[in-house]
PDB file of N, CA and C in Angstrom:
ATOM      1  N   MET A   1     215.416 132.028 -26.142  1.00  0.00           N
ATOM      2  CA  MET A   1     215.796 133.429 -26.185  1.00  0.00           C
ATOM      3  C   MET A   1     215.061 134.077 -27.360  1.00  0.00           C
ATOM      4  N   SER A   2     214.485 135.212 -27.102  1.00  0.00           N
ATOM      5  CA  SER A   2     213.752 135.873 -28.175  1.00  0.00           C
ATOM      6  C   SER A   2     214.716 136.478 -29.188  1.00  0.00           C
ATOM      7  N   PHE A   3     214.209 136.665 -30.386  1.00  0.00           N
ATOM      8  CA  PHE A   3     215.037 137.264 -31.436  1.00  0.00           C
ATOM      9  C   PHE A   3     215.441 138.696 -31.070  1.00  0.00           C
ATOM     10  N   ARG A   4     214.549 139.400 -30.384  1.00  0.00           N
ATOM     11  CA  ARG A   4     214.884 140.780 -29.990  1.00  0.00           C
ATOM     12  C   ARG A   4     216.032 140.786 -28.985  1.00  0.00           C
ATOM     13  N   LEU A   5     216.002 139.899 -28.006  1.00  0.00           N
ATOM     14  CA  LEU A   5     217.086 139.820 -27.028  1.00  0.00           C
ATOM     15  C   LEU A   5     218.388 139.423 -27.727  1.00  0.00           C
ATOM     16  N   ALA A   6     218.301 138.482 -28.661  1.00  0.00           N
ATOM     17  CA  ALA A   6     219.492 138.077 -29.419  1.00  0.00           C
ATOM     18  C   ALA A   6     220.047 139.262 -30.209  1.00  0.00           C
ATOM     19  N   ALA A   7     219.172 140.066 -30.813  1.00  0.00           N
ATOM     20  CA  ALA A   7     219.614 141.244 -31.565  1.00  0.00           C
ATOM     21  C   ALA A   7     220.293 142.248 -30.641  1.00  0.00           C
ATOM     22  N   ASP A   8     219.735 142.435 -29.426  1.00  0.00           N
ATOM     23  CA  ASP A   8     220.358 143.341 -28.457  1.00  0.00           C
ATOM     24  C   ASP A   8     221.736 142.833 -28.039  1.00  0.00           C
ATOM     25  N   LEU A   9     221.879 141.523 -27.873  1.00  0.00           N
ATOM     26  CA  LEU A   9     223.171 140.949 -27.511  1.00  0.00           C
ATOM     27  C   LEU A   9     224.185 141.134 -28.642  1.00  0.00           C
ATOM     28  N   VAL A  10     223.736 140.984 -29.883  1.00  0.00           N
ATOM     29  CA  VAL A  10     224.622 141.216 -31.031  1.00  0.00           C
ATOM     30  C   VAL A  10     225.051 142.678 -31.056  1.00  0.00           C
ATOM     31  N   LEU A  11     224.138 143.580 -30.736  1.00  0.00           N
ATOM     32  CA  LEU A  11     224.466 145.004 -30.692  1.00  0.00           C
ATOM     33  C   LEU A  11     225.549 145.276 -29.648  1.00  0.00           C
ATOM     34  N   LEU A  12     225.425 144.662 -28.464  1.00  0.00           N
ATOM     35  CA  LEU A  12     226.456 144.813 -27.427  1.00  0.00           C
ATOM     36  C   LEU A  12     227.791 144.216 -27.876  1.00  0.00           C
ATOM     37  N   LEU A  13     227.741 143.062 -28.519  1.00  0.00           N
ATOM     38  CA  LEU A  13     228.948 142.436 -29.042  1.00  0.00           C
ATOM     39  C   LEU A  13     229.606 143.348 -30.079  1.00  0.00           C
ATOM     40  N   HIS A  14     228.796 143.962 -30.904  1.00  0.00           N
ATOM     41  CA  HIS A  14     229.297 144.866 -31.937  1.00  0.00           C
ATOM     42  C   HIS A  14     230.030 146.051 -31.296  1.00  0.00           C
ATOM     43  N   LEU A  15     229.435 146.635 -30.262  1.00  0.00           N
ATOM     44  CA  LEU A  15     230.081 147.750 -29.570  1.00  0.00           C
ATOM     45  C   LEU A  15     231.398 147.302 -28.943  1.00  0.00           C
ATOM     46  N   ALA A  16     231.399 146.135 -28.302  1.00  0.00           N
ATOM     47  CA  ALA A  16     232.630 145.611 -27.694  1.00  0.00           C
ATOM     48  C   ALA A  16     233.702 145.386 -28.758  1.00  0.00           C
ATOM     49  N   PHE A  17     233.301 144.871 -29.908  1.00  0.00           N
ATOM     50  CA  PHE A  17     234.230 144.645 -31.014  1.00  0.00           C
ATOM     51  C   PHE A  17     234.853 145.961 -31.474  1.00  0.00           C
ATOM     52  N   ILE A  18     234.017 146.987 -31.623  1.00  0.00           N
ATOM     53  CA  ILE A  18     234.502 148.294 -32.063  1.00  0.00           C
ATOM     54  C   ILE A  18     235.486 148.865 -31.044  1.00  0.00           C
ATOM     55  N   LEU A  19     235.128 148.807 -29.773  1.00  0.00           N
ATOM     56  CA  LEU A  19     236.020 149.325 -28.731  1.00  0.00           C
ATOM     57  C   LEU A  19     237.333 148.560 -28.695  1.00  0.00           C
ATOM     58  N   PHE A  20     237.264 147.231 -28.850  1.00  0.00           N
ATOM     59  CA  PHE A  20     238.481 146.427 -28.854  1.00  0.00           C
ATOM     60  C   PHE A  20     239.334 146.739 -30.077  1.00  0.00           C
ATOM     61  N   ALA A  21     238.699 146.953 -31.226  1.00  0.00           N
ATOM     62  CA  ALA A  21     239.450 147.287 -32.439  1.00  0.00           C
ATOM     63  C   ALA A  21     240.200 148.601 -32.269  1.00  0.00           C
ATOM     64  N   VAL A  22     239.560 149.573 -31.642  1.00  0.00           N
ATOM     65  CA  VAL A  22     240.174 150.887 -31.499  1.00  0.00           C
ATOM     66  C   VAL A  22     241.181 150.934 -30.349  1.00  0.00           C
ATOM     67  N   LEU A  23     240.860 150.302 -29.237  1.00  0.00           N
ATOM     68  CA  LEU A  23     241.682 150.438 -28.032  1.00  0.00           C
ATOM     69  C   LEU A  23     242.342 149.148 -27.564  1.00  0.00           C
ATOM     70  N   GLY A  24     242.204 148.096 -28.323  1.00  0.00           N
ATOM     71  CA  GLY A  24     242.713 146.790 -27.891  1.00  0.00           C
ATOM     72  C   GLY A  24     244.201 146.728 -27.633  1.00  0.00           C
ATOM     73  N   ALA A  25     244.965 147.567 -28.297  1.00  0.00           N
ATOM     74  CA  ALA A  25     246.417 147.556 -28.078  1.00  0.00           C
ATOM     75  C   ALA A  25     246.746 147.867 -26.625  1.00  0.00           C
ATOM     76  N   ALA A  26     245.903 148.634 -25.957  1.00  0.00           N
ATOM     77  CA  ALA A  26     246.143 148.955 -24.551  1.00  0.00           C
ATOM     78  C   ALA A  26     246.128 147.692 -23.686  1.00  0.00           C
ATOM     79  N   PHE A  27     245.372 146.677 -24.086  1.00  0.00           N
ATOM     80  CA  PHE A  27     245.332 145.428 -23.329  1.00  0.00           C
ATOM     81  C   PHE A  27     246.628 144.637 -23.468  1.00  0.00           C
ATOM     82  N   ALA A  28     247.422 144.968 -24.461  1.00  0.00           N
ATOM     83  CA  ALA A  28     248.713 144.287 -24.639  1.00  0.00           C
ATOM     84  C   ALA A  28     249.675 144.619 -23.502  1.00  0.00           C
ATOM     85  N   THR A  29     249.422 145.703 -22.792  1.00  0.00           N
ATOM     86  CA  THR A  29     250.244 146.014 -21.621  1.00  0.00           C
ATOM     87  C   THR A  29     249.938 145.050 -20.484  1.00  0.00           C
ATOM     88  N   TRP A  30     248.794 144.430 -20.543  1.00  0.00           N
ATOM     89  CA  TRP A  30     248.330 143.524 -19.499  1.00  0.00           C
ATOM     90  C   TRP A  30     248.698 142.077 -19.797  1.00  0.00           C
ATOM     91  N   ARG A  31     248.513 141.669 -21.055  1.00  0.00           N
ATOM     92  CA  ARG A  31     248.803 140.292 -21.469  1.00  0.00           C
ATOM     93  C   ARG A  31     249.532 140.303 -22.809  1.00  0.00           C
ATOM     94  N   ARG A  32     250.597 139.543 -22.890  1.00  0.00           N
ATOM     95  CA  ARG A  32     251.415 139.529 -24.110  1.00  0.00           C
ATOM     96  C   ARG A  32     250.720 138.854 -25.300  1.00  0.00           C
ATOM     97  N   TRP A  33     249.736 138.018 -25.080  1.00  0.00           N
ATOM     98  CA  TRP A  33     249.056 137.319 -26.175  1.00  0.00           C
ATOM     99  C   TRP A  33     247.993 138.181 -26.848  1.00  0.00           C
ATOM    100  N   VAL A  34     247.625 139.298 -26.247  1.00  0.00           N
ATOM    101  CA  VAL A  34     246.545 140.136 -26.788  1.00  0.00           C
ATOM    102  C   VAL A  34     246.784 140.548 -28.238  1.00  0.00           C
ATOM    103  N   PRO A  35     248.016 140.928 -28.639  1.00  0.00           N
ATOM    104  CA  PRO A  35     248.207 141.303 -30.052  1.00  0.00           C
ATOM    105  C   PRO A  35     247.845 140.194 -31.047  1.00  0.00           C
ATOM    106  N   LEU A  36     247.959 138.958 -30.628  1.00  0.00           N
ATOM    107  CA  LEU A  36     247.583 137.854 -31.523  1.00  0.00           C
ATOM    108  C   LEU A  36     246.098 137.877 -31.870  1.00  0.00           C
ATOM    109  N   VAL A  37     245.291 138.396 -30.965  1.00  0.00           N
ATOM    110  CA  VAL A  37     243.848 138.527 -31.205  1.00  0.00           C
ATOM    111  C   VAL A  37     243.529 139.915 -31.748  1.00  0.00           C
ATOM    112  N   HIS A  38     244.183 140.913 -31.166  1.00  0.00           N
ATOM    113  CA  HIS A  38     243.827 142.283 -31.501  1.00  0.00           C
ATOM    114  C   HIS A  38     244.214 142.708 -32.918  1.00  0.00           C
ATOM    115  N   VAL A  39     245.391 142.342 -33.369  1.00  0.00           N
ATOM    116  CA  VAL A  39     245.835 142.794 -34.696  1.00  0.00           C
ATOM    117  C   VAL A  39     244.865 142.346 -35.798  1.00  0.00           C
ATOM    118  N   PRO A  40     244.411 141.085 -35.812  1.00  0.00           N
ATOM    119  CA  PRO A  40     243.409 140.719 -36.833  1.00  0.00           C
ATOM    120  C   PRO A  40     242.084 141.478 -36.672  1.00  0.00           C
ATOM    121  N   VAL A  41     241.674 141.736 -35.431  1.00  0.00           N
ATOM    122  CA  VAL A  41     240.438 142.488 -35.198  1.00  0.00           C
ATOM    123  C   VAL A  41     240.586 143.910 -35.733  1.00  0.00           C
ATOM    124  N   ALA A  42     241.706 144.565 -35.417  1.00  0.00           N
ATOM    125  CA  ALA A  42     241.936 145.927 -35.902  1.00  0.00           C
ATOM    126  C   ALA A  42     242.057 145.952 -37.432  1.00  0.00           C
ATOM    127  N   ALA A  43     242.695 144.933 -37.991  1.00  0.00           N
ATOM    128  CA  ALA A  43     242.820 144.858 -39.449  1.00  0.00           C
ATOM    129  C   ALA A  43     241.441 144.720 -40.099  1.00  0.00           C
ATOM    130  N   TRP A  44     240.582 143.908 -39.504  1.00  0.00           N
ATOM    131  CA  TRP A  44     239.227 143.750 -40.040  1.00  0.00           C
ATOM    132  C   TRP A  44     238.473 145.079 -39.958  1.00  0.00           C
ATOM    133  N   ALA A  45     238.557 145.772 -38.824  1.00  0.00           N
ATOM    134  CA  ALA A  45     237.871 147.059 -38.663  1.00  0.00           C
ATOM    135  C   ALA A  45     238.381 148.060 -39.692  1.00  0.00           C
ATOM    136  N   PHE A  46     239.686 148.079 -39.891  1.00  0.00           N
ATOM    137  CA  PHE A  46     240.286 148.965 -40.888  1.00  0.00           C
ATOM    138  C   PHE A  46     239.756 148.625 -42.283  1.00  0.00           C
ATOM    139  N   PHE A  47     239.730 147.336 -42.615  1.00  0.00           N
ATOM    140  CA  PHE A  47     239.254 146.875 -43.917  1.00  0.00           C
ATOM    141  C   PHE A  47     237.790 147.255 -44.142  1.00  0.00           C
ATOM    142  N   VAL A  48     236.950 147.024 -43.144  1.00  0.00           N
ATOM    143  CA  VAL A  48     235.521 147.335 -43.271  1.00  0.00           C
ATOM    144  C   VAL A  48     235.322 148.826 -43.490  1.00  0.00           C
ATOM    145  N   GLU A  49     236.024 149.652 -42.714  1.00  0.00           N
ATOM    146  CA  GLU A  49     235.879 151.100 -42.870  1.00  0.00           C
ATOM    147  C   GLU A  49     236.453 151.584 -44.191  1.00  0.00           C
ATOM    148  N   LEU A  50     237.596 151.048 -44.570  1.00  0.00           N
ATOM    149  CA  LEU A  50     238.267 151.480 -45.796  1.00  0.00           C
ATOM    150  C   LEU A  50     237.458 151.134 -47.045  1.00  0.00           C
ATOM    151  N   THR A  51     236.854 149.952 -47.047  1.00  0.00           N
ATOM    152  CA  THR A  51     236.125 149.498 -48.230  1.00  0.00           C
ATOM    153  C   THR A  51     234.647 149.865 -48.199  1.00  0.00           C
ATOM    154  N   GLY A  52     234.165 150.378 -47.060  1.00  0.00           N
ATOM    155  CA  GLY A  52     232.754 150.754 -46.954  1.00  0.00           C
ATOM    156  C   GLY A  52     231.812 149.573 -46.895  1.00  0.00           C
ATOM    157  N   ARG A  53     232.342 148.416 -46.554  1.00  0.00           N
ATOM    158  CA  ARG A  53     231.502 147.216 -46.462  1.00  0.00           C
ATOM    159  C   ARG A  53     230.655 147.247 -45.203  1.00  0.00           C
ATOM    160  N   SER A  54     229.682 146.380 -45.178  1.00  0.00           N
ATOM    161  CA  SER A  54     228.849 146.206 -43.999  1.00  0.00           C
ATOM    162  C   SER A  54     229.434 145.085 -43.154  1.00  0.00           C
ATOM    163  N   CYS A  55     229.511 145.308 -41.868  1.00  0.00           N
ATOM    164  CA  CYS A  55     230.026 144.293 -40.952  1.00  0.00           C
ATOM    165  C   CYS A  55     229.005 143.158 -40.839  1.00  0.00           C
ATOM    166  N   PRO A  56     229.465 141.918 -40.791  1.00  0.00           N
ATOM    167  CA  PRO A  56     228.534 140.795 -40.623  1.00  0.00           C
ATOM    168  C   PRO A  56     227.694 140.893 -39.347  1.00  0.00           C
ATOM    169  N   LEU A  57     228.209 141.557 -38.319  1.00  0.00           N
ATOM    170  CA  LEU A  57     227.421 141.733 -37.096  1.00  0.00           C
ATOM    171  C   LEU A  57     226.208 142.629 -37.352  1.00  0.00           C
ATOM    172  N   THR A  58     226.359 143.604 -38.224  1.00  0.00           N
ATOM    173  CA  THR A  58     225.232 144.466 -38.597  1.00  0.00           C
ATOM    174  C   THR A  58     224.171 143.641 -39.317  1.00  0.00           C
ATOM    175  N   GLN A  59     224.608 142.818 -40.243  1.00  0.00           N
ATOM    176  CA  GLN A  59     223.670 141.970 -40.992  1.00  0.00           C
ATOM    177  C   GLN A  59     222.957 140.986 -40.064  1.00  0.00           C
ATOM    178  N   LEU A  60     223.697 140.412 -39.114  1.00  0.00           N
ATOM    179  CA  LEU A  60     223.096 139.476 -38.163  1.00  0.00           C
ATOM    180  C   LEU A  60     222.068 140.178 -37.290  1.00  0.00           C
ATOM    181  N   GLU A  61     222.421 141.346 -36.778  1.00  0.00           N
ATOM    182  CA  GLU A  61     221.480 142.082 -35.936  1.00  0.00           C
ATOM    183  C   GLU A  61     220.206 142.413 -36.704  1.00  0.00           C
ATOM    184  N   ASN A  62     220.339 142.918 -37.934  1.00  0.00           N
ATOM    185  CA  ASN A  62     219.156 143.252 -38.732  1.00  0.00           C
ATOM    186  C   ASN A  62     218.304 142.032 -39.012  1.00  0.00           C
ATOM    187  N   SER A  63     218.933 140.922 -39.307  1.00  0.00           N
ATOM    188  CA  SER A  63     218.197 139.683 -39.552  1.00  0.00           C
ATOM    189  C   SER A  63     217.401 139.267 -38.316  1.00  0.00           C
ATOM    190  N   LEU A  64     218.033 139.361 -37.158  1.00  0.00           N
ATOM    191  CA  LEU A  64     217.338 138.998 -35.913  1.00  0.00           C
ATOM    192  C   LEU A  64     216.191 139.951 -35.618  1.00  0.00           C
ATOM    193  N   ARG A  65     216.389 141.227 -35.895  1.00  0.00           N
ATOM    194  CA  ARG A  65     215.308 142.194 -35.658  1.00  0.00           C
ATOM    195  C   ARG A  65     214.112 141.918 -36.580  1.00  0.00           C
ATOM    196  N   ILE A  66     214.386 141.558 -37.818  1.00  0.00           N
ATOM    197  CA  ILE A  66     213.300 141.218 -38.747  1.00  0.00           C
ATOM    198  C   ILE A  66     212.556 139.982 -38.260  1.00  0.00           C
ATOM    199  N   LYS A  67     213.311 138.965 -37.811  1.00  0.00           N
ATOM    200  CA  LYS A  67     212.677 137.749 -37.274  1.00  0.00           C
ATOM    201  C   LYS A  67     211.866 138.037 -36.016  1.00  0.00           C
ATOM    202  N   ALA A  68     212.265 139.087 -35.280  1.00  0.00           N
ATOM    203  CA  ALA A  68     211.520 139.479 -34.076  1.00  0.00           C
ATOM    204  C   ALA A  68     210.283 140.293 -34.436  1.00  0.00           C
ATOM    205  N   GLY A  69     210.107 140.559 -35.744  1.00  0.00           N
ATOM    206  CA  GLY A  69     208.937 141.304 -36.185  1.00  0.00           C
ATOM    207  C   GLY A  69     209.077 142.804 -36.023  1.00  0.00           C
ATOM    208  N   GLN A  70     210.298 143.287 -35.910  1.00  0.00           N
ATOM    209  CA  GLN A  70     210.515 144.720 -35.742  1.00  0.00           C
ATOM    210  C   GLN A  70     210.698 145.388 -37.103  1.00  0.00           C
ATOM    211  N   ALA A  71     209.874 146.366 -37.366  1.00  0.00           N
ATOM    212  CA  ALA A  71     210.051 147.159 -38.572  1.00  0.00           C
ATOM    213  C   ALA A  71     210.894 148.381 -38.245  1.00  0.00           C
ATOM    214  N   GLY A  72     210.814 148.809 -37.006  1.00  0.00           N
ATOM    215  CA  GLY A  72     211.592 149.947 -36.529  1.00  0.00           C
ATOM    216  C   GLY A  72     211.926 149.701 -35.073  1.00  0.00           C
ATOM    217  N   TYR A  73     212.695 150.570 -34.504  1.00  0.00           N
ATOM    218  CA  TYR A  73     213.094 150.392 -33.116  1.00  0.00           C
ATOM    219  C   TYR A  73     212.053 150.956 -32.179  1.00  0.00           C
ATOM    220  N   THR A  74     211.806 150.224 -31.112  1.00  0.00           N
ATOM    221  CA  THR A  74     210.889 150.706 -30.080  1.00  0.00           C
ATOM    222  C   THR A  74     211.663 151.240 -28.888  1.00  0.00           C
ATOM    223  N   GLU A  75     212.962 151.502 -29.091  1.00  0.00           N
ATOM    224  CA  GLU A  75     213.827 152.173 -28.140  1.00  0.00           C
ATOM    225  C   GLU A  75     213.945 151.482 -26.783  1.00  0.00           C
ATOM    226  N   SER A  76     214.664 150.373 -26.737  1.00  0.00           N
ATOM    227  CA  SER A  76     215.071 149.812 -25.459  1.00  0.00           C
ATOM    228  C   SER A  76     216.261 150.620 -24.965  1.00  0.00           C
ATOM    229  N   PHE A  77     216.689 150.366 -23.746  1.00  0.00           N
ATOM    230  CA  PHE A  77     217.854 151.075 -23.197  1.00  0.00           C
ATOM    231  C   PHE A  77     219.065 150.886 -24.098  1.00  0.00           C
ATOM    232  N   ILE A  78     219.311 149.648 -24.490  1.00  0.00           N
ATOM    233  CA  ILE A  78     220.470 149.340 -25.325  1.00  0.00           C
ATOM    234  C   ILE A  78     220.379 150.098 -26.644  1.00  0.00           C
ATOM    235  N   GLU A  79     219.229 150.027 -27.281  1.00  0.00           N
ATOM    236  CA  GLU A  79     219.058 150.687 -28.573  1.00  0.00           C
ATOM    237  C   GLU A  79     219.196 152.196 -28.455  1.00  0.00           C
ATOM    238  N   HIS A  80     218.619 152.749 -27.422  1.00  0.00           N
ATOM    239  CA  HIS A  80     218.633 154.204 -27.264  1.00  0.00           C
ATOM    240  C   HIS A  80     220.045 154.743 -27.082  1.00  0.00           C
ATOM    241  N   TYR A  81     220.862 154.043 -26.297  1.00  0.00           N
ATOM    242  CA  TYR A  81     222.185 154.563 -25.983  1.00  0.00           C
ATOM    243  C   TYR A  81     223.301 154.052 -26.878  1.00  0.00           C
ATOM    244  N   LEU A  82     223.115 152.912 -27.524  1.00  0.00           N
ATOM    245  CA  LEU A  82     224.213 152.334 -28.286  1.00  0.00           C
ATOM    246  C   LEU A  82     224.074 152.451 -29.794  1.00  0.00           C
ATOM    247  N   LEU A  83     222.873 152.469 -30.308  1.00  0.00           N
ATOM    248  CA  LEU A  83     222.705 152.512 -31.758  1.00  0.00           C
ATOM    249  C   LEU A  83     223.366 153.730 -32.381  1.00  0.00           C
ATOM    250  N   GLU A  84     223.243 154.875 -31.758  1.00  0.00           N
ATOM    251  CA  GLU A  84     223.824 156.099 -32.332  1.00  0.00           C
ATOM    252  C   GLU A  84     225.344 156.079 -32.287  1.00  0.00           C
ATOM    253  N   ILE A  85     225.923 155.327 -31.354  1.00  0.00           N
ATOM    254  CA  ILE A  85     227.382 155.209 -31.292  1.00  0.00           C
ATOM    255  C   ILE A  85     227.869 154.307 -32.432  1.00  0.00           C
ATOM    256  N   ILE A  86     227.191 153.181 -32.616  1.00  0.00           N
ATOM    257  CA  ILE A  86     227.613 152.205 -33.617  1.00  0.00           C
ATOM    258  C   ILE A  86     227.208 152.646 -35.026  1.00  0.00           C
ATOM    259  N   TYR A  87     226.024 153.222 -35.161  1.00  0.00           N
ATOM    260  CA  TYR A  87     225.526 153.660 -36.457  1.00  0.00           C
ATOM    261  C   TYR A  87     225.207 155.152 -36.407  1.00  0.00           C
ATOM    262  N   PRO A  88     226.212 156.016 -36.375  1.00  0.00           N
ATOM    263  CA  PRO A  88     225.931 157.456 -36.237  1.00  0.00           C
ATOM    264  C   PRO A  88     225.214 158.021 -37.458  1.00  0.00           C
ATOM    265  N   ALA A  89     224.352 158.989 -37.195  1.00  0.00           N
ATOM    266  CA  ALA A  89     223.658 159.677 -38.290  1.00  0.00           C
ATOM    267  C   ALA A  89     224.679 160.467 -39.094  1.00  0.00           C
ATOM    268  N   GLY A  90     224.520 160.500 -40.390  1.00  0.00           N
ATOM    269  CA  GLY A  90     225.412 161.273 -41.235  1.00  0.00           C
ATOM    270  C   GLY A  90     226.752 160.606 -41.516  1.00  0.00           C
ATOM    271  N   LEU A  91     226.832 159.297 -41.319  1.00  0.00           N
ATOM    272  CA  LEU A  91     228.084 158.581 -41.594  1.00  0.00           C
ATOM    273  C   LEU A  91     228.333 158.598 -43.101  1.00  0.00           C
ATOM    274  N   THR A  92     229.403 159.268 -43.498  1.00  0.00           N
ATOM    275  CA  THR A  92     229.741 159.380 -44.916  1.00  0.00           C
ATOM    276  C   THR A  92     230.990 158.561 -45.225  1.00  0.00           C
ATOM    277  N   ARG A  93     231.305 158.434 -46.497  1.00  0.00           N
ATOM    278  CA  ARG A  93     232.510 157.718 -46.926  1.00  0.00           C
ATOM    279  C   ARG A  93     233.757 158.388 -46.376  1.00  0.00           C
ATOM    280  N   GLU A  94     233.783 159.704 -46.369  1.00  0.00           N
ATOM    281  CA  GLU A  94     234.932 160.443 -45.854  1.00  0.00           C
ATOM    282  C   GLU A  94     235.132 160.177 -44.368  1.00  0.00           C
ATOM    283  N   ILE A  95     234.034 160.151 -43.623  1.00  0.00           N
ATOM    284  CA  ILE A  95     234.126 159.862 -42.189  1.00  0.00           C
ATOM    285  C   ILE A  95     234.626 158.436 -41.978  1.00  0.00           C
ATOM    286  N   GLN A  96     234.172 157.491 -42.795  1.00  0.00           N
ATOM    287  CA  GLN A  96     234.649 156.117 -42.684  1.00  0.00           C
ATOM    288  C   GLN A  96     236.158 156.042 -42.900  1.00  0.00           C
ATOM    289  N   LEU A  97     236.679 156.798 -43.852  1.00  0.00           N
ATOM    290  CA  LEU A  97     238.124 156.801 -44.100  1.00  0.00           C
ATOM    291  C   LEU A  97     238.882 157.389 -42.917  1.00  0.00           C
ATOM    292  N   VAL A  98     238.338 158.435 -42.314  1.00  0.00           N
ATOM    293  CA  VAL A  98     238.961 159.017 -41.121  1.00  0.00           C
ATOM    294  C   VAL A  98     238.951 157.997 -39.986  1.00  0.00           C
ATOM    295  N   LEU A  99     237.839 157.302 -39.808  1.00  0.00           N
ATOM    296  CA  LEU A  99     237.748 156.278 -38.757  1.00  0.00           C
ATOM    297  C   LEU A  99     238.762 155.165 -38.995  1.00  0.00           C
ATOM    298  N   ALA A 100     238.927 154.756 -40.238  1.00  0.00           N
ATOM    299  CA  ALA A 100     239.916 153.726 -40.556  1.00  0.00           C
ATOM    300  C   ALA A 100     241.310 154.202 -40.173  1.00  0.00           C
ATOM    301  N   GLY A 101     241.616 155.452 -40.503  1.00  0.00           N
ATOM    302  CA  GLY A 101     242.910 156.012 -40.131  1.00  0.00           C
ATOM    303  C   GLY A 101     243.097 156.101 -38.629  1.00  0.00           C
ATOM    304  N   MET A 102     242.025 156.417 -37.910  1.00  0.00           N
ATOM    305  CA  MET A 102     242.103 156.501 -36.459  1.00  0.00           C
ATOM    306  C   MET A 102     242.388 155.138 -35.831  1.00  0.00           C
ATOM    307  N   VAL A 103     241.776 154.086 -36.367  1.00  0.00           N
ATOM    308  CA  VAL A 103     242.038 152.731 -35.857  1.00  0.00           C
ATOM    309  C   VAL A 103     243.531 152.430 -35.958  1.00  0.00           C
ATOM    310  N   ILE A 104     244.116 152.731 -37.104  1.00  0.00           N
ATOM    311  CA  ILE A 104     245.544 152.473 -37.314  1.00  0.00           C
ATOM    312  C   ILE A 104     246.399 153.387 -36.433  1.00  0.00           C
ATOM    313  N   ALA A 105     246.116 154.671 -36.408  1.00  0.00           N
ATOM    314  CA  ALA A 105     246.943 155.633 -35.670  1.00  0.00           C
ATOM    315  C   ALA A 105     246.935 155.365 -34.165  1.00  0.00           C
ATOM    316  N   ILE A 106     245.768 155.149 -33.610  1.00  0.00           N
ATOM    317  CA  ILE A 106     245.676 154.910 -32.163  1.00  0.00           C
ATOM    318  C   ILE A 106     246.432 153.649 -31.784  1.00  0.00           C
ATOM    319  N   ASN A 107     246.208 152.580 -32.529  1.00  0.00           N
ATOM    320  CA  ASN A 107     246.865 151.322 -32.191  1.00  0.00           C
ATOM    321  C   ASN A 107     248.361 151.344 -32.469  1.00  0.00           C
ATOM    322  N   ALA A 108     248.781 152.002 -33.531  1.00  0.00           N
ATOM    323  CA  ALA A 108     250.210 152.124 -33.814  1.00  0.00           C
ATOM    324  C   ALA A 108     250.912 152.886 -32.696  1.00  0.00           C
ATOM    325  N   ALA A 109     250.272 153.946 -32.204  1.00  0.00           N
ATOM    326  CA  ALA A 109     250.857 154.718 -31.105  1.00  0.00           C
ATOM    327  C   ALA A 109     250.980 153.871 -29.842  1.00  0.00           C
ATOM    328  N   ILE A 110     249.942 153.110 -29.524  1.00  0.00           N
ATOM    329  CA  ILE A 110     249.991 152.275 -28.315  1.00  0.00           C
ATOM    330  C   ILE A 110     251.024 151.174 -28.460  1.00  0.00           C
ATOM    331  N   TYR A 111     251.036 150.498 -29.605  1.00  0.00           N
ATOM    332  CA  TYR A 111     252.028 149.429 -29.802  1.00  0.00           C
ATOM    333  C   TYR A 111     253.450 150.002 -29.832  1.00  0.00           C
ATOM    334  N   GLY A 112     253.635 151.181 -30.412  1.00  0.00           N
ATOM    335  CA  GLY A 112     254.958 151.810 -30.417  1.00  0.00           C
ATOM    336  C   GLY A 112     255.417 152.107 -29.010  1.00  0.00           C
ATOM    337  N   TRP A 113     254.531 152.676 -28.207  1.00  0.00           N
ATOM    338  CA  TRP A 113     254.858 152.956 -26.800  1.00  0.00           C
ATOM    339  C   TRP A 113     255.190 151.669 -26.062  1.00  0.00           C
ATOM    340  N   LEU A 114     254.415 150.630 -26.324  1.00  0.00           N
ATOM    341  CA  LEU A 114     254.635 149.354 -25.663  1.00  0.00           C
ATOM    342  C   LEU A 114     255.982 148.743 -26.042  1.00  0.00           C
ATOM    343  N   LEU A 115     256.346 148.827 -27.304  1.00  0.00           N
ATOM    344  CA  LEU A 115     257.638 148.299 -27.743  1.00  0.00           C
ATOM    345  C   LEU A 115     258.798 149.062 -27.103  1.00  0.00           C
ATOM    346  N   VAL A 116     258.668 150.367 -27.010  1.00  0.00           N
ATOM    347  CA  VAL A 116     259.705 151.169 -26.355  1.00  0.00           C
ATOM    348  C   VAL A 116     259.765 150.816 -24.866  1.00  0.00           C
ATOM    349  N   ARG A 117     258.624 150.693 -24.240  1.00  0.00           N
ATOM    350  CA  ARG A 117     258.547 150.369 -22.808  1.00  0.00           C
ATOM    351  C   ARG A 117     259.175 149.013 -22.508  1.00  0.00           C
ATOM    352  N   ARG A 118     258.963 148.062 -23.383  1.00  0.00           N
ATOM    353  CA  ARG A 118     259.519 146.721 -23.168  1.00  0.00           C
ATOM    354  C   ARG A 118     260.970 146.622 -23.604  1.00  0.00           C
ATOM    355  N   GLY A 119     261.516 147.703 -24.131  1.00  0.00           N
ATOM    356  CA  GLY A 119     262.928 147.743 -24.475  1.00  0.00           C
ATOM    357  C   GLY A 119     263.271 147.071 -25.782  1.00  0.00           C
ATOM    358  N   ILE A 120     262.362 146.921 -26.675  1.00  0.00           N
ATOM    359  CA  ILE A 120     262.624 146.270 -27.948  1.00  0.00           C
ATOM    360  C   ILE A 120     263.619 147.059 -28.781  1.00  0.00           C
ATOM    361  N   PHE A 121     263.598 148.384 -28.657  1.00  0.00           N
ATOM    362  CA  PHE A 121     264.460 149.233 -29.491  1.00  0.00           C
ATOM    363  C   PHE A 121     265.760 149.649 -28.806  1.00  0.00           C
ATOM    364  N   ARG A 122     266.040 149.120 -27.647  1.00  0.00           N
ATOM    365  CA  ARG A 122     267.280 149.463 -26.949  1.00  0.00           C
ATOM    366  C   ARG A 122     268.459 148.739 -27.579  1.00  0.00           C
ATOM    367  N   GLU A 123     269.593 149.400 -27.542  1.00  0.00           N
ATOM    368  CA  GLU A 123     270.807 148.755 -28.061  1.00  0.00           C
ATOM    369  C   GLU A 123     271.250 147.666 -27.099  1.00  0.00           C
ATOM    370  N   LYS A 124     271.695 146.568 -27.648  1.00  0.00           N
ATOM    371  CA  LYS A 124     272.177 145.478 -26.814  1.00  0.00           C
ATOM    372  C   LYS A 124     273.581 145.778 -26.318  1.00  0.00           C
ATOM    373  N   ASP A 125     273.837 145.410 -25.063  1.00  0.00           N
ATOM    374  CA  ASP A 125     275.183 145.585 -24.494  1.00  0.00           C
ATOM    375  C   ASP A 125     276.099 144.509 -25.051  1.00  0.00           C
ATOM    376  N   ASN A 126     277.308 144.892 -25.359  1.00  0.00           N
ATOM    377  CA  ASN A 126     278.279 143.926 -25.871  1.00  0.00           C
ATOM    378  C   ASN A 126     279.084 143.361 -24.762  1.00  0.00           C
TER     379      ASN A 126
END
């Protein structure tokens, strides 16, 4: 497998990770074990955004692109449509903090709805 193809696969994995971090709680309606995987993923996404760190997937992708001899992007389909979603232009510290808050708010709302739906907060009959 070429380094460029590996970098493209890492980019797709990165997008899937981001989508799962933001919307993964919705999968808990489908399978009860999903929160066991999703909560750590969402916590990591929150931590990365809150602290302004670089995700290891970003570092891996860049390393693979360098090994592929790429100094810049030659715009494959994946790069053209996904890079701007994962690495938006003008990403500031303030935007990162808003994104971190969105990860928490969206998932808290979904998990709250799910707990109510499953009757966790209902009074027990005596």
